[in-house]
């Protein structure tokens, strides 16, 4: 189907449980996808492998990596759209890239970016509507970059009061984080009440290290 992906069309589609996918990177066509089962990750109770948690603590302590928010959204989505040996096909075409860059400029789409020595080496991007964050894609050029970005995302969403972290599908990469599925009807029952919440993805009162420390402390108290 060849449609013009306007910002208003995309936002309404996500509110109704739909999202766009291209047939491949060069295809001019997109399809609207509505899975029978929808992948979800619990924001407060995401499973974080012990080794990853140690890597995050050590990295923040030694400042071996840096997380930036919305610093270079275009580069993140372009990297996510690249075909790689471990991911020979992509569903992100130029129309989706252009549409999400527009959503980013309007404050709806965001990126969590992983840097080492000032070089962007991984990250993720997604769409924020109310109290729901729809994770779109992630990539890594060094081991663990996207995993670390995902934990930083969860910490940010928790602090900002988000209720839904949608992954669209379940895959091997996400299973280590405790991803689970909801039937479409169950998903919509969870999604609808949070779409009009006032959640601000931009957090000014805490830096990334403070966010992670607060998030880990909350999880420790819940365990």
C-alpha atoms as a PDB file:
ATOM      1  CA  UNK A   1       0.000   0.000   0.000  1.00  0.00           C
ATOM      2  CA  UNK A   2       1.357   3.407  -0.933  1.00  0.00           C
ATOM      3  CA  UNK A   3       0.243   6.060   1.546  1.00  0.00           C
ATOM      4  CA  UNK A   4       1.576   9.364   2.800  1.00  0.00           C
ATOM      5  CA  UNK A   5       2.744   8.865   6.382  1.00  0.00           C
ATOM      6  CA  UNK A   6       1.723  12.148   7.942  1.00  0.00           C
ATOM      7  CA  UNK A   7       2.395  12.734  11.630  1.00  0.00           C
ATOM      8  CA  UNK A   8      -1.301  12.807  12.472  1.00  0.00           C
ATOM      9  CA  UNK A   9      -1.927   9.554  10.596  1.00  0.00           C
ATOM     10  CA  UNK A  10       0.907   7.785  12.393  1.00  0.00           C
ATOM     11  CA  UNK A  11      -0.125   8.968  15.835  1.00  0.00           C
ATOM     12  CA  UNK A  12      -3.712   7.881  15.289  1.00  0.00           C
ATOM     13  CA  UNK A  13      -2.565   4.511  13.925  1.00  0.00           C
ATOM     14  CA  UNK A  14      -0.475   3.812  17.016  1.00  0.00           C
ATOM     15  CA  UNK A  15      -3.367   4.849  19.236  1.00  0.00           C
ATOM     16  CA  UNK A  16      -5.445   2.192  17.464  1.00  0.00           C
ATOM     17  CA  UNK A  17      -2.828  -0.539  17.840  1.00  0.00           C
ATOM     18  CA  UNK A  18      -1.340  -0.328  14.333  1.00  0.00           C
ATOM     19  CA  UNK A  19       2.174   0.424  13.121  1.00  0.00           C
ATOM     20  CA  UNK A  20       3.800   0.654   9.670  1.00  0.00           C
ATOM     21  CA  UNK A  21       6.403  -1.670   8.179  1.00  0.00           C
ATOM     22  CA  UNK A  22       8.000  -1.556   4.751  1.00  0.00           C
ATOM     23  CA  UNK A  23       8.583  -4.697   2.707  1.00  0.00           C
ATOM     24  CA  UNK A  24      12.307  -3.859   2.613  1.00  0.00           C
ATOM     25  CA  UNK A  25      14.700  -0.907   2.781  1.00  0.00           C
ATOM     26  CA  UNK A  26      14.160   0.159  -0.853  1.00  0.00           C
ATOM     27  CA  UNK A  27      10.449  -0.579  -1.128  1.00  0.00           C
ATOM     28  CA  UNK A  28       8.136   2.407  -1.698  1.00  0.00           C
ATOM     29  CA  UNK A  29       5.302   0.466  -0.076  1.00  0.00           C
ATOM     30  CA  UNK A  30       4.331   0.005   3.562  1.00  0.00           C
ATOM     31  CA  UNK A  31       1.883  -2.297   5.304  1.00  0.00           C
ATOM     32  CA  UNK A  32      -0.116  -1.581   8.429  1.00  0.00           C
ATOM     33  CA  UNK A  33       0.589  -4.266  11.012  1.00  0.00           C
ATOM     34  CA  UNK A  34      -1.702  -5.288  13.859  1.00  0.00           C
ATOM     35  CA  UNK A  35      -0.266  -8.414  15.529  1.00  0.00           C
ATOM     36  CA  UNK A  36      -2.581 -10.864  17.241  1.00  0.00           C
ATOM     37  CA  UNK A  37      -0.089 -10.830  20.119  1.00  0.00           C
ATOM     38  CA  UNK A  38       1.858  -7.730  21.130  1.00  0.00           C
ATOM     39  CA  UNK A  39       5.268  -7.705  22.819  1.00  0.00           C
ATOM     40  CA  UNK A  40       5.570  -5.798  26.101  1.00  0.00           C
ATOM     41  CA  UNK A  41       8.270  -5.160  28.694  1.00  0.00           C
ATOM     42  CA  UNK A  42       7.393  -4.205  32.256  1.00  0.00           C
ATOM     43  CA  UNK A  43       8.972  -0.816  32.936  1.00  0.00           C
ATOM     44  CA  UNK A  44       9.587  -1.320  36.691  1.00  0.00           C
ATOM     45  CA  UNK A  45      10.200  -5.065  36.508  1.00  0.00           C
ATOM     46  CA  UNK A  46      12.250  -5.458  33.327  1.00  0.00           C
ATOM     47  CA  UNK A  47      14.595  -8.409  33.750  1.00  0.00           C
ATOM     48  CA  UNK A  48      18.167  -7.108  33.651  1.00  0.00           C
ATOM     49  CA  UNK A  49      20.871  -9.800  33.372  1.00  0.00           C
ATOM     50  CA  UNK A  50      23.325  -9.554  36.249  1.00  0.00           C
ATOM     51  CA  UNK A  51      26.315  -9.126  33.940  1.00  0.00           C
ATOM     52  CA  UNK A  52      24.601  -6.261  32.117  1.00  0.00           C
ATOM     53  CA  UNK A  53      23.779  -4.520  35.378  1.00  0.00           C
ATOM     54  CA  UNK A  54      27.442  -4.775  36.385  1.00  0.00           C
ATOM     55  CA  UNK A  55      28.519  -3.385  33.010  1.00  0.00           C
ATOM     56  CA  UNK A  56      26.199  -0.407  33.441  1.00  0.00           C
ATOM     57  CA  UNK A  57      27.387   0.343  36.974  1.00  0.00           C
ATOM     58  CA  UNK A  58      31.031   0.033  35.968  1.00  0.00           C
ATOM     59  CA  UNK A  59      30.551   2.061  32.794  1.00  0.00           C
ATOM     60  CA  UNK A  60      28.901   4.924  34.645  1.00  0.00           C
ATOM     61  CA  UNK A  61      31.497   4.833  37.404  1.00  0.00           C
ATOM     62  CA  UNK A  62      34.432   4.804  34.984  1.00  0.00           C
ATOM     63  CA  UNK A  63      32.670   7.004  32.420  1.00  0.00           C
ATOM     64  CA  UNK A  64      33.523   4.515  29.685  1.00  0.00           C
ATOM     65  CA  UNK A  65      30.268   5.292  27.889  1.00  0.00           C
ATOM     66  CA  UNK A  66      27.810   8.153  27.678  1.00  0.00           C
ATOM     67  CA  UNK A  67      24.076   8.168  27.015  1.00  0.00           C
ATOM     68  CA  UNK A  68      22.561  11.094  25.157  1.00  0.00           C
ATOM     69  CA  UNK A  69      18.885  11.717  24.482  1.00  0.00           C
ATOM     70  CA  UNK A  70      17.691  13.083  21.122  1.00  0.00           C
ATOM     71  CA  UNK A  71      21.165  14.359  20.259  1.00  0.00           C
ATOM     72  CA  UNK A  72      21.333  12.750  16.793  1.00  0.00           C
ATOM     73  CA  UNK A  73      17.971  11.139  16.102  1.00  0.00           C
ATOM     74  CA  UNK A  74      18.503  11.017  12.331  1.00  0.00           C
ATOM     75  CA  UNK A  75      21.723   9.010  12.659  1.00  0.00           C
ATOM     76  CA  UNK A  76      20.068   6.527  15.014  1.00  0.00           C
ATOM     77  CA  UNK A  77      17.172   5.754  12.694  1.00  0.00           C
ATOM     78  CA  UNK A  78      19.498   5.616   9.669  1.00  0.00           C
ATOM     79  CA  UNK A  79      21.683   3.090  11.490  1.00  0.00           C
ATOM     80  CA  UNK A  80      18.630   1.072  12.502  1.00  0.00           C
ATOM     81  CA  UNK A  81      17.611   0.964   8.829  1.00  0.00           C
ATOM     82  CA  UNK A  82      20.963  -0.377   7.629  1.00  0.00           C
ATOM     83  CA  UNK A  83      21.116  -3.964   6.458  1.00  0.00           C
ATOM     84  CA  UNK A  84      23.796  -5.859   8.387  1.00  0.00           C
ATOM     85  CA  UNK A  85      25.194  -9.377   8.313  1.00  0.00           C
ATOM     86  CA  UNK A  86      23.293 -10.276  11.473  1.00  0.00           C
ATOM     87  CA  UNK A  87      20.184  -8.535  10.128  1.00  0.00           C
ATOM     88  CA  UNK A  88      20.105  -8.891   6.315  1.00  0.00           C
ATOM     89  CA  UNK A  89      16.614  -7.428   5.969  1.00  0.00           C
ATOM     90  CA  UNK A  90      15.027  -4.285   7.336  1.00  0.00           C
ATOM     91  CA  UNK A  91      11.466  -3.001   7.486  1.00  0.00           C
ATOM     92  CA  UNK A  92      12.505   0.669   7.688  1.00  0.00           C
ATOM     93  CA  UNK A  93      12.321   2.410   4.315  1.00  0.00           C
ATOM     94  CA  UNK A  94      12.961   6.040   3.450  1.00  0.00           C
ATOM     95  CA  UNK A  95       9.328   7.000   3.919  1.00  0.00           C
ATOM     96  CA  UNK A  96       9.354   5.689   7.490  1.00  0.00           C
ATOM     97  CA  UNK A  97      12.672   7.429   8.175  1.00  0.00           C
ATOM     98  CA  UNK A  98      11.360  10.766   6.905  1.00  0.00           C
ATOM     99  CA  UNK A  99       8.077  10.388   8.798  1.00  0.00           C
ATOM    100  CA  UNK A 100       9.785   9.642  12.113  1.00  0.00           C
ATOM    101  CA  UNK A 101      12.235  12.497  11.716  1.00  0.00           C
ATOM    102  CA  UNK A 102       9.195  14.768  11.388  1.00  0.00           C
ATOM    103  CA  UNK A 103       7.676  13.175  14.493  1.00  0.00           C
ATOM    104  CA  UNK A 104      10.954  13.764  16.296  1.00  0.00           C
ATOM    105  CA  UNK A 105      10.934  17.443  15.372  1.00  0.00           C
ATOM    106  CA  UNK A 106       7.391  17.656  16.744  1.00  0.00           C
ATOM    107  CA  UNK A 107       8.444  16.077  20.048  1.00  0.00           C
ATOM    108  CA  UNK A 108       6.848  12.645  19.628  1.00  0.00           C
ATOM    109  CA  UNK A 109       9.745  10.441  18.512  1.00  0.00           C
ATOM    110  CA  UNK A 110      12.855  10.065  20.651  1.00  0.00           C
ATOM    111  CA  UNK A 111      16.239   8.389  20.586  1.00  0.00           C
ATOM    112  CA  UNK A 112      18.438   6.967  23.326  1.00  0.00           C
ATOM    113  CA  UNK A 113      22.021   7.060  22.079  1.00  0.00           C
ATOM    114  CA  UNK A 114      25.138   5.206  23.244  1.00  0.00           C
ATOM    115  CA  UNK A 115      28.534   6.896  22.830  1.00  0.00           C
ATOM    116  CA  UNK A 116      32.124   5.957  23.535  1.00  0.00           C
ATOM    117  CA  UNK A 117      34.740   8.713  23.291  1.00  0.00           C
ATOM    118  CA  UNK A 118      32.182  10.937  21.604  1.00  0.00           C
ATOM    119  CA  UNK A 119      31.379   8.409  18.859  1.00  0.00           C
ATOM    120  CA  UNK A 120      27.814   7.144  18.375  1.00  0.00           C
ATOM    121  CA  UNK A 121      27.994   3.344  18.547  1.00  0.00           C
ATOM    122  CA  UNK A 122      24.451   2.221  19.243  1.00  0.00           C
ATOM    123  CA  UNK A 123      21.020   3.135  20.464  1.00  0.00           C
ATOM    124  CA  UNK A 124      17.317   2.904  19.887  1.00  0.00           C
ATOM    125  CA  UNK A 125      14.381   5.039  18.882  1.00  0.00           C
ATOM    126  CA  UNK A 126      10.651   4.994  19.432  1.00  0.00           C
ATOM    127  CA  UNK A 127       7.420   6.932  19.619  1.00  0.00           C
ATOM    128  CA  UNK A 128       5.963   8.533  22.743  1.00  0.00           C
ATOM    129  CA  UNK A 129       2.210   9.038  23.088  1.00  0.00           C
ATOM    130  CA  UNK A 130       0.866   9.875  26.530  1.00  0.00           C
ATOM    131  CA  UNK A 131       2.057   7.221  28.968  1.00  0.00           C
ATOM    132  CA  UNK A 132       3.064   4.743  26.263  1.00  0.00           C
ATOM    133  CA  UNK A 133       6.419   4.371  24.555  1.00  0.00           C
ATOM    134  CA  UNK A 134       6.479   2.320  21.368  1.00  0.00           C
ATOM    135  CA  UNK A 135       9.967   0.948  20.807  1.00  0.00           C
ATOM    136  CA  UNK A 136      10.714   0.800  17.096  1.00  0.00           C
ATOM    137  CA  UNK A 137      14.243  -0.452  16.518  1.00  0.00           C
ATOM    138  CA  UNK A 138      17.717  -0.617  18.025  1.00  0.00           C
ATOM    139  CA  UNK A 139      21.251  -1.281  16.851  1.00  0.00           C
ATOM    140  CA  UNK A 140      24.772  -1.838  18.175  1.00  0.00           C
ATOM    141  CA  UNK A 141      28.186  -1.321  16.650  1.00  0.00           C
ATOM    142  CA  UNK A 142      29.879  -2.542  19.832  1.00  0.00           C
ATOM    143  CA  UNK A 143      28.781  -5.338  22.125  1.00  0.00           C
ATOM    144  CA  UNK A 144      26.019  -4.410  24.542  1.00  0.00           C
ATOM    145  CA  UNK A 145      25.339  -0.878  23.282  1.00  0.00           C
ATOM    146  CA  UNK A 146      21.645  -1.367  22.505  1.00  0.00           C
ATOM    147  CA  UNK A 147      21.118  -3.378  25.706  1.00  0.00           C
ATOM    148  CA  UNK A 148      22.544  -0.572  27.813  1.00  0.00           C
ATOM    149  CA  UNK A 149      20.432   1.956  25.908  1.00  0.00           C
ATOM    150  CA  UNK A 150      17.315  -0.121  26.615  1.00  0.00           C
ATOM    151  CA  UNK A 151      17.955  -0.136  30.371  1.00  0.00           C
ATOM    152  CA  UNK A 152      18.505   3.624  30.311  1.00  0.00           C
ATOM    153  CA  UNK A 153      15.222   3.935  28.412  1.00  0.00           C
ATOM    154  CA  UNK A 154      13.384   1.918  31.072  1.00  0.00           C
ATOM    155  CA  UNK A 155      14.850   4.088  33.842  1.00  0.00           C
ATOM    156  CA  UNK A 156      13.719   7.235  32.032  1.00  0.00           C
ATOM    157  CA  UNK A 157      10.217   5.898  31.388  1.00  0.00           C
ATOM    158  CA  UNK A 158       9.840   4.834  35.021  1.00  0.00           C
ATOM    159  CA  UNK A 159      10.925   8.233  36.353  1.00  0.00           C
ATOM    160  CA  UNK A 160       8.617  10.060  33.929  1.00  0.00           C
ATOM    161  CA  UNK A 161       5.584   7.956  34.872  1.00  0.00           C
ATOM    162  CA  UNK A 162       5.113   5.940  31.686  1.00  0.00           C
ATOM    163  CA  UNK A 163       2.996   2.802  31.999  1.00  0.00           C
ATOM    164  CA  UNK A 164       3.523   0.931  28.707  1.00  0.00           C
ATOM    165  CA  UNK A 165       6.744  -0.095  26.954  1.00  0.00           C
ATOM    166  CA  UNK A 166       5.645  -1.691  23.708  1.00  0.00           C
ATOM    167  CA  UNK A 167       8.092  -3.820  21.695  1.00  0.00           C
ATOM    168  CA  UNK A 168       5.626  -4.763  18.936  1.00  0.00           C
ATOM    169  CA  UNK A 169       7.045  -8.286  18.606  1.00  0.00           C
ATOM    170  CA  UNK A 170       8.981 -10.778  20.703  1.00  0.00           C
ATOM    171  CA  UNK A 171      12.461 -11.806  19.583  1.00  0.00           C
ATOM    172  CA  UNK A 172      15.508 -13.580  20.999  1.00  0.00           C
ATOM    173  CA  UNK A 173      17.231 -10.300  21.833  1.00  0.00           C
ATOM    174  CA  UNK A 174      14.297  -9.073  23.935  1.00  0.00           C
ATOM    175  CA  UNK A 175      13.610 -12.356  25.730  1.00  0.00           C
ATOM    176  CA  UNK A 176      16.511 -11.739  28.110  1.00  0.00           C
ATOM    177  CA  UNK A 177      14.646  -8.635  29.333  1.00  0.00           C
ATOM    178  CA  UNK A 178      11.495 -10.538  30.265  1.00  0.00           C
ATOM    179  CA  UNK A 179       9.411  -9.559  27.252  1.00  0.00           C
ATOM    180  CA  UNK A 180       5.920 -11.014  27.265  1.00  0.00           C
ATOM    181  CA  UNK A 181       2.915 -10.981  24.951  1.00  0.00           C
ATOM    182  CA  UNK A 182      -0.632  -9.711  25.269  1.00  0.00           C
ATOM    183  CA  UNK A 183      -3.467 -10.663  22.976  1.00  0.00           C
ATOM    184  CA  UNK A 184      -4.608  -7.708  20.891  1.00  0.00           C
ATOM    185  CA  UNK A 185      -7.773  -7.200  22.944  1.00  0.00           C
ATOM    186  CA  UNK A 186      -5.806  -7.284  26.210  1.00  0.00           C
ATOM    187  CA  UNK A 187      -3.214  -4.941  24.759  1.00  0.00           C
ATOM    188  CA  UNK A 188      -5.802  -2.359  23.779  1.00  0.00           C
ATOM    189  CA  UNK A 189      -7.348  -2.543  27.260  1.00  0.00           C
ATOM    190  CA  UNK A 190      -3.932  -1.710  28.717  1.00  0.00           C
ATOM    191  CA  UNK A 191      -3.058   0.905  26.095  1.00  0.00           C
ATOM    192  CA  UNK A 192      -6.207   3.001  25.866  1.00  0.00           C
ATOM    193  CA  UNK A 193      -6.248   4.323  29.475  1.00  0.00           C
ATOM    194  CA  UNK A 194      -2.651   5.600  29.297  1.00  0.00           C
ATOM    195  CA  UNK A 195      -2.725   7.420  25.954  1.00  0.00           C
ATOM    196  CA  UNK A 196      -3.790  10.736  27.441  1.00  0.00           C
ATOM    197  CA  UNK A 197      -1.448  10.743  30.428  1.00  0.00           C
ATOM    198  CA  UNK A 198       0.909  13.700  30.687  1.00  0.00           C
ATOM    199  CA  UNK A 199       4.376  12.158  30.624  1.00  0.00           C
ATOM    200  CA  UNK A 200       7.459  14.145  29.691  1.00  0.00           C
ATOM    201  CA  UNK A 201      10.198  12.077  28.044  1.00  0.00           C
ATOM    202  CA  UNK A 202      12.631  14.931  28.571  1.00  0.00           C
ATOM    203  CA  UNK A 203      13.874  14.803  32.164  1.00  0.00           C
ATOM    204  CA  UNK A 204      15.771  17.801  33.496  1.00  0.00           C
ATOM    205  CA  UNK A 205      16.032  17.066  37.216  1.00  0.00           C
ATOM    206  CA  UNK A 206      18.293  13.988  36.962  1.00  0.00           C
ATOM    207  CA  UNK A 207      21.242  13.039  34.778  1.00  0.00           C
ATOM    208  CA  UNK A 208      21.647   9.541  33.335  1.00  0.00           C
ATOM    209  CA  UNK A 209      23.748   8.267  36.244  1.00  0.00           C
ATOM    210  CA  UNK A 210      21.206   9.555  38.760  1.00  0.00           C
ATOM    211  CA  UNK A 211      18.333   8.054  36.751  1.00  0.00           C
ATOM    212  CA  UNK A 212      19.948   4.627  36.720  1.00  0.00           C
ATOM    213  CA  UNK A 213      20.809   4.767  40.423  1.00  0.00           C
ATOM    214  CA  UNK A 214      17.222   5.734  41.312  1.00  0.00           C
ATOM    215  CA  UNK A 215      15.834   3.025  39.032  1.00  0.00           C
ATOM    216  CA  UNK A 216      18.088   0.321  40.467  1.00  0.00           C
ATOM    217  CA  UNK A 217      17.252   1.421  44.025  1.00  0.00           C
ATOM    218  CA  UNK A 218      13.515   1.233  43.293  1.00  0.00           C
ATOM    219  CA  UNK A 219      13.958  -2.277  41.904  1.00  0.00           C
ATOM    220  CA  UNK A 220      16.004  -3.327  44.934  1.00  0.00           C
ATOM    221  CA  UNK A 221      13.283  -2.134  47.297  1.00  0.00           C
ATOM    222  CA  UNK A 222      10.647  -4.050  45.304  1.00  0.00           C
ATOM    223  CA  UNK A 223      12.602  -7.316  45.355  1.00  0.00           C
END
